[in-house]
């Protein structure tokens, strides 16, 4: 009887861990997808495809700021080696080069904070969006891998 209780407890704990891991993956991917959507909205303004809209800019920069604040928690050890949906996975460097990853996060956070105080019109958006994009690309080039 004790064995049944122990096995049931272990199975329940394992199922809970799997659900928590899946929730973490969804949270991480959701935040990255939101980054992409907001970057596309800002890019459309820069390219003249959409009119400049300060509320859209503010919302995008606020979301980038939220990402910067949450990035340190988006890739816990439990996600190491987890396959993600889509074309990319997190590189093992996220965990093996923690100092570099954390430095990249700090750089992204600083760039976003600076942009929030500077972007007030299309010209300042045109100046700041490439700086933000460079931070995103730098992290993606080092800490993201394309699935083969």
C-alpha atoms as a PDB file:
ATOM      1  CA  UNK A   1       0.000   0.000   0.000  1.00  0.00           C
ATOM      2  CA  UNK A   2       2.839   2.365   0.862  1.00  0.00           C
ATOM      3  CA  UNK A   3       4.390   1.720  -2.548  1.00  0.00           C
ATOM      4  CA  UNK A   4       1.172   2.710  -4.304  1.00  0.00           C
ATOM      5  CA  UNK A   5       1.009   5.954  -2.339  1.00  0.00           C
ATOM      6  CA  UNK A   6       4.688   6.715  -3.065  1.00  0.00           C
ATOM      7  CA  UNK A   7       4.314   5.921  -6.778  1.00  0.00           C
ATOM      8  CA  UNK A   8       1.158   8.037  -6.994  1.00  0.00           C
ATOM      9  CA  UNK A   9       2.909  10.951  -5.273  1.00  0.00           C
ATOM     10  CA  UNK A  10       5.927  10.697  -7.587  1.00  0.00           C
ATOM     11  CA  UNK A  11       3.685  10.605 -10.664  1.00  0.00           C
ATOM     12  CA  UNK A  12       1.661  13.590  -9.456  1.00  0.00           C
ATOM     13  CA  UNK A  13       4.845  15.567  -8.757  1.00  0.00           C
ATOM     14  CA  UNK A  14       6.285  14.677 -12.174  1.00  0.00           C
ATOM     15  CA  UNK A  15       3.089  15.716 -13.945  1.00  0.00           C
ATOM     16  CA  UNK A  16       3.143  19.022 -12.084  1.00  0.00           C
ATOM     17  CA  UNK A  17       6.742  19.641 -13.167  1.00  0.00           C
ATOM     18  CA  UNK A  18       5.882  18.952 -16.806  1.00  0.00           C
ATOM     19  CA  UNK A  19       2.922  21.345 -16.682  1.00  0.00           C
ATOM     20  CA  UNK A  20       5.088  24.037 -15.054  1.00  0.00           C
ATOM     21  CA  UNK A  21       7.739  23.585 -17.745  1.00  0.00           C
ATOM     22  CA  UNK A  22       5.127  23.838 -20.519  1.00  0.00           C
ATOM     23  CA  UNK A  23       3.760  27.023 -18.913  1.00  0.00           C
ATOM     24  CA  UNK A  24       7.274  28.478 -18.826  1.00  0.00           C
ATOM     25  CA  UNK A  25       7.826  27.653 -22.496  1.00  0.00           C
ATOM     26  CA  UNK A  26       4.502  29.298 -23.435  1.00  0.00           C
ATOM     27  CA  UNK A  27       5.350  32.380 -21.367  1.00  0.00           C
ATOM     28  CA  UNK A  28       8.796  32.707 -22.940  1.00  0.00           C
ATOM     29  CA  UNK A  29       7.588  32.165 -26.488  1.00  0.00           C
ATOM     30  CA  UNK A  30       4.631  34.494 -25.971  1.00  0.00           C
ATOM     31  CA  UNK A  31       6.874  37.304 -24.825  1.00  0.00           C
ATOM     32  CA  UNK A  32       9.240  36.811 -27.771  1.00  0.00           C
ATOM     33  CA  UNK A  33       6.321  36.748 -30.225  1.00  0.00           C
ATOM     34  CA  UNK A  34       5.030  39.992 -28.711  1.00  0.00           C
ATOM     35  CA  UNK A  35       8.493  41.508 -29.219  1.00  0.00           C
ATOM     36  CA  UNK A  36       8.335  40.532 -32.884  1.00  0.00           C
ATOM     37  CA  UNK A  37       4.851  41.976 -33.364  1.00  0.00           C
ATOM     38  CA  UNK A  38       5.836  45.254 -31.738  1.00  0.00           C
ATOM     39  CA  UNK A  39       9.089  45.478 -33.679  1.00  0.00           C
ATOM     40  CA  UNK A  40       7.120  44.930 -36.897  1.00  0.00           C
ATOM     41  CA  UNK A  41       4.657  47.694 -35.963  1.00  0.00           C
ATOM     42  CA  UNK A  42       7.499  50.143 -35.323  1.00  0.00           C
ATOM     43  CA  UNK A  43       9.302  49.058 -38.470  1.00  0.00           C
ATOM     44  CA  UNK A  44       6.154  49.677 -40.531  1.00  0.00           C
ATOM     45  CA  UNK A  45       6.116  53.258 -39.236  1.00  0.00           C
ATOM     46  CA  UNK A  46       9.796  53.762 -40.045  1.00  0.00           C
ATOM     47  CA  UNK A  47       9.250  52.423 -43.578  1.00  0.00           C
ATOM     48  CA  UNK A  48       6.256  54.701 -44.109  1.00  0.00           C
ATOM     49  CA  UNK A  49       3.849  51.766 -44.396  1.00  0.00           C
ATOM     50  CA  UNK A  50       1.894  52.980 -41.357  1.00  0.00           C
ATOM     51  CA  UNK A  51       1.480  56.480 -39.947  1.00  0.00           C
ATOM     52  CA  UNK A  52       3.480  57.405 -36.865  1.00  0.00           C
ATOM     53  CA  UNK A  53       1.435  56.791 -33.741  1.00  0.00           C
ATOM     54  CA  UNK A  54       2.910  57.689 -30.351  1.00  0.00           C
ATOM     55  CA  UNK A  55       0.535  55.401 -28.431  1.00  0.00           C
ATOM     56  CA  UNK A  56       1.681  52.419 -30.522  1.00  0.00           C
ATOM     57  CA  UNK A  57       5.306  53.422 -29.948  1.00  0.00           C
ATOM     58  CA  UNK A  58       4.739  53.778 -26.198  1.00  0.00           C
ATOM     59  CA  UNK A  59       2.998  50.400 -26.005  1.00  0.00           C
ATOM     60  CA  UNK A  60       5.786  48.694 -27.965  1.00  0.00           C
ATOM     61  CA  UNK A  61       8.526  50.237 -25.828  1.00  0.00           C
ATOM     62  CA  UNK A  62       6.626  49.323 -22.651  1.00  0.00           C
ATOM     63  CA  UNK A  63       6.406  45.724 -23.851  1.00  0.00           C
ATOM     64  CA  UNK A  64      10.139  45.696 -24.691  1.00  0.00           C
ATOM     65  CA  UNK A  65      10.796  47.069 -21.204  1.00  0.00           C
ATOM     66  CA  UNK A  66       8.660  44.318 -19.691  1.00  0.00           C
ATOM     67  CA  UNK A  67      10.647  41.768 -21.679  1.00  0.00           C
ATOM     68  CA  UNK A  68      13.930  43.231 -20.442  1.00  0.00           C
ATOM     69  CA  UNK A  69      12.726  42.983 -16.839  1.00  0.00           C
ATOM     70  CA  UNK A  70      11.513  39.408 -17.305  1.00  0.00           C
ATOM     71  CA  UNK A  71      14.350  38.019 -19.441  1.00  0.00           C
ATOM     72  CA  UNK A  72      16.385  36.835 -16.440  1.00  0.00           C
ATOM     73  CA  UNK A  73      13.470  34.574 -15.440  1.00  0.00           C
ATOM     74  CA  UNK A  74      12.465  33.397 -18.926  1.00  0.00           C
ATOM     75  CA  UNK A  75      15.218  30.799 -19.289  1.00  0.00           C
ATOM     76  CA  UNK A  76      15.513  28.843 -16.015  1.00  0.00           C
ATOM     77  CA  UNK A  77      17.739  25.752 -15.793  1.00  0.00           C
ATOM     78  CA  UNK A  78      14.626  23.604 -16.189  1.00  0.00           C
ATOM     79  CA  UNK A  79      14.297  24.834 -19.797  1.00  0.00           C
ATOM     80  CA  UNK A  80      17.808  23.755 -20.756  1.00  0.00           C
ATOM     81  CA  UNK A  81      17.479  21.381 -23.710  1.00  0.00           C
ATOM     82  CA  UNK A  82      13.712  21.853 -24.053  1.00  0.00           C
ATOM     83  CA  UNK A  83      12.575  21.949 -27.682  1.00  0.00           C
ATOM     84  CA  UNK A  84      10.506  25.005 -28.465  1.00  0.00           C
ATOM     85  CA  UNK A  85       7.736  25.435 -31.007  1.00  0.00           C
ATOM     86  CA  UNK A  86       8.685  27.139 -34.235  1.00  0.00           C
ATOM     87  CA  UNK A  87      11.954  27.452 -36.095  1.00  0.00           C
ATOM     88  CA  UNK A  88      14.274  28.259 -33.176  1.00  0.00           C
ATOM     89  CA  UNK A  89      15.452  26.898 -29.852  1.00  0.00           C
ATOM     90  CA  UNK A  90      17.410  28.529 -27.081  1.00  0.00           C
ATOM     91  CA  UNK A  91      21.117  27.892 -27.479  1.00  0.00           C
ATOM     92  CA  UNK A  92      22.895  26.006 -24.686  1.00  0.00           C
ATOM     93  CA  UNK A  93      24.973  29.210 -24.363  1.00  0.00           C
ATOM     94  CA  UNK A  94      22.033  30.737 -22.456  1.00  0.00           C
ATOM     95  CA  UNK A  95      23.091  28.507 -19.562  1.00  0.00           C
ATOM     96  CA  UNK A  96      26.804  27.943 -20.223  1.00  0.00           C
ATOM     97  CA  UNK A  97      27.550  31.654 -20.766  1.00  0.00           C
ATOM     98  CA  UNK A  98      25.349  33.109 -18.028  1.00  0.00           C
ATOM     99  CA  UNK A  99      27.550  36.210 -17.629  1.00  0.00           C
ATOM    100  CA  UNK A 100      27.369  36.983 -21.346  1.00  0.00           C
ATOM    101  CA  UNK A 101      23.624  36.383 -21.447  1.00  0.00           C
ATOM    102  CA  UNK A 102      23.056  38.625 -18.432  1.00  0.00           C
ATOM    103  CA  UNK A 103      25.264  41.311 -19.998  1.00  0.00           C
ATOM    104  CA  UNK A 104      23.184  41.149 -23.178  1.00  0.00           C
ATOM    105  CA  UNK A 105      19.999  41.536 -21.112  1.00  0.00           C
ATOM    106  CA  UNK A 106      21.422  44.611 -19.341  1.00  0.00           C
ATOM    107  CA  UNK A 107      22.390  46.160 -22.677  1.00  0.00           C
ATOM    108  CA  UNK A 108      18.915  45.546 -24.074  1.00  0.00           C
ATOM    109  CA  UNK A 109      17.309  47.041 -20.956  1.00  0.00           C
ATOM    110  CA  UNK A 110      19.479  50.163 -21.194  1.00  0.00           C
ATOM    111  CA  UNK A 111      18.738  50.679 -24.889  1.00  0.00           C
ATOM    112  CA  UNK A 112      14.991  50.326 -24.275  1.00  0.00           C
ATOM    113  CA  UNK A 113      15.080  52.714 -21.308  1.00  0.00           C
ATOM    114  CA  UNK A 114      16.976  55.256 -23.398  1.00  0.00           C
ATOM    115  CA  UNK A 115      14.526  54.886 -26.289  1.00  0.00           C
ATOM    116  CA  UNK A 116      11.538  55.406 -23.993  1.00  0.00           C
ATOM    117  CA  UNK A 117      12.843  58.864 -23.089  1.00  0.00           C
ATOM    118  CA  UNK A 118      13.979  59.777 -26.616  1.00  0.00           C
ATOM    119  CA  UNK A 119      11.308  58.572 -29.046  1.00  0.00           C
ATOM    120  CA  UNK A 120       8.787  61.383 -29.441  1.00  0.00           C
ATOM    121  CA  UNK A 121       8.373  61.521 -33.235  1.00  0.00           C
ATOM    122  CA  UNK A 122       9.170  59.632 -36.426  1.00  0.00           C
ATOM    123  CA  UNK A 123      12.703  61.002 -36.706  1.00  0.00           C
ATOM    124  CA  UNK A 124      13.660  59.856 -33.208  1.00  0.00           C
ATOM    125  CA  UNK A 125      12.020  56.470 -33.856  1.00  0.00           C
ATOM    126  CA  UNK A 126      14.085  56.135 -37.034  1.00  0.00           C
ATOM    127  CA  UNK A 127      17.215  56.813 -34.968  1.00  0.00           C
ATOM    128  CA  UNK A 128      16.382  54.497 -32.053  1.00  0.00           C
ATOM    129  CA  UNK A 129      14.775  51.468 -33.706  1.00  0.00           C
ATOM    130  CA  UNK A 130      18.035  50.273 -35.313  1.00  0.00           C
ATOM    131  CA  UNK A 131      19.737  50.494 -31.910  1.00  0.00           C
ATOM    132  CA  UNK A 132      17.026  48.315 -30.362  1.00  0.00           C
ATOM    133  CA  UNK A 133      17.146  45.955 -33.332  1.00  0.00           C
ATOM    134  CA  UNK A 134      20.907  45.580 -32.986  1.00  0.00           C
ATOM    135  CA  UNK A 135      20.457  44.470 -29.372  1.00  0.00           C
ATOM    136  CA  UNK A 136      17.796  41.943 -30.354  1.00  0.00           C
ATOM    137  CA  UNK A 137      19.914  40.597 -33.223  1.00  0.00           C
ATOM    138  CA  UNK A 138      23.021  40.373 -31.070  1.00  0.00           C
ATOM    139  CA  UNK A 139      21.242  38.233 -28.533  1.00  0.00           C
ATOM    140  CA  UNK A 140      19.562  36.088 -31.187  1.00  0.00           C
ATOM    141  CA  UNK A 141      22.845  35.472 -33.020  1.00  0.00           C
ATOM    142  CA  UNK A 142      24.511  34.219 -29.859  1.00  0.00           C
ATOM    143  CA  UNK A 143      21.740  32.726 -27.745  1.00  0.00           C
ATOM    144  CA  UNK A 144      19.271  31.315 -30.275  1.00  0.00           C
ATOM    145  CA  UNK A 145      19.751  28.474 -32.745  1.00  0.00           C
ATOM    146  CA  UNK A 146      17.832  27.675 -35.891  1.00  0.00           C
ATOM    147  CA  UNK A 147      16.410  24.186 -35.929  1.00  0.00           C
ATOM    148  CA  UNK A 148      17.991  22.024 -38.582  1.00  0.00           C
END
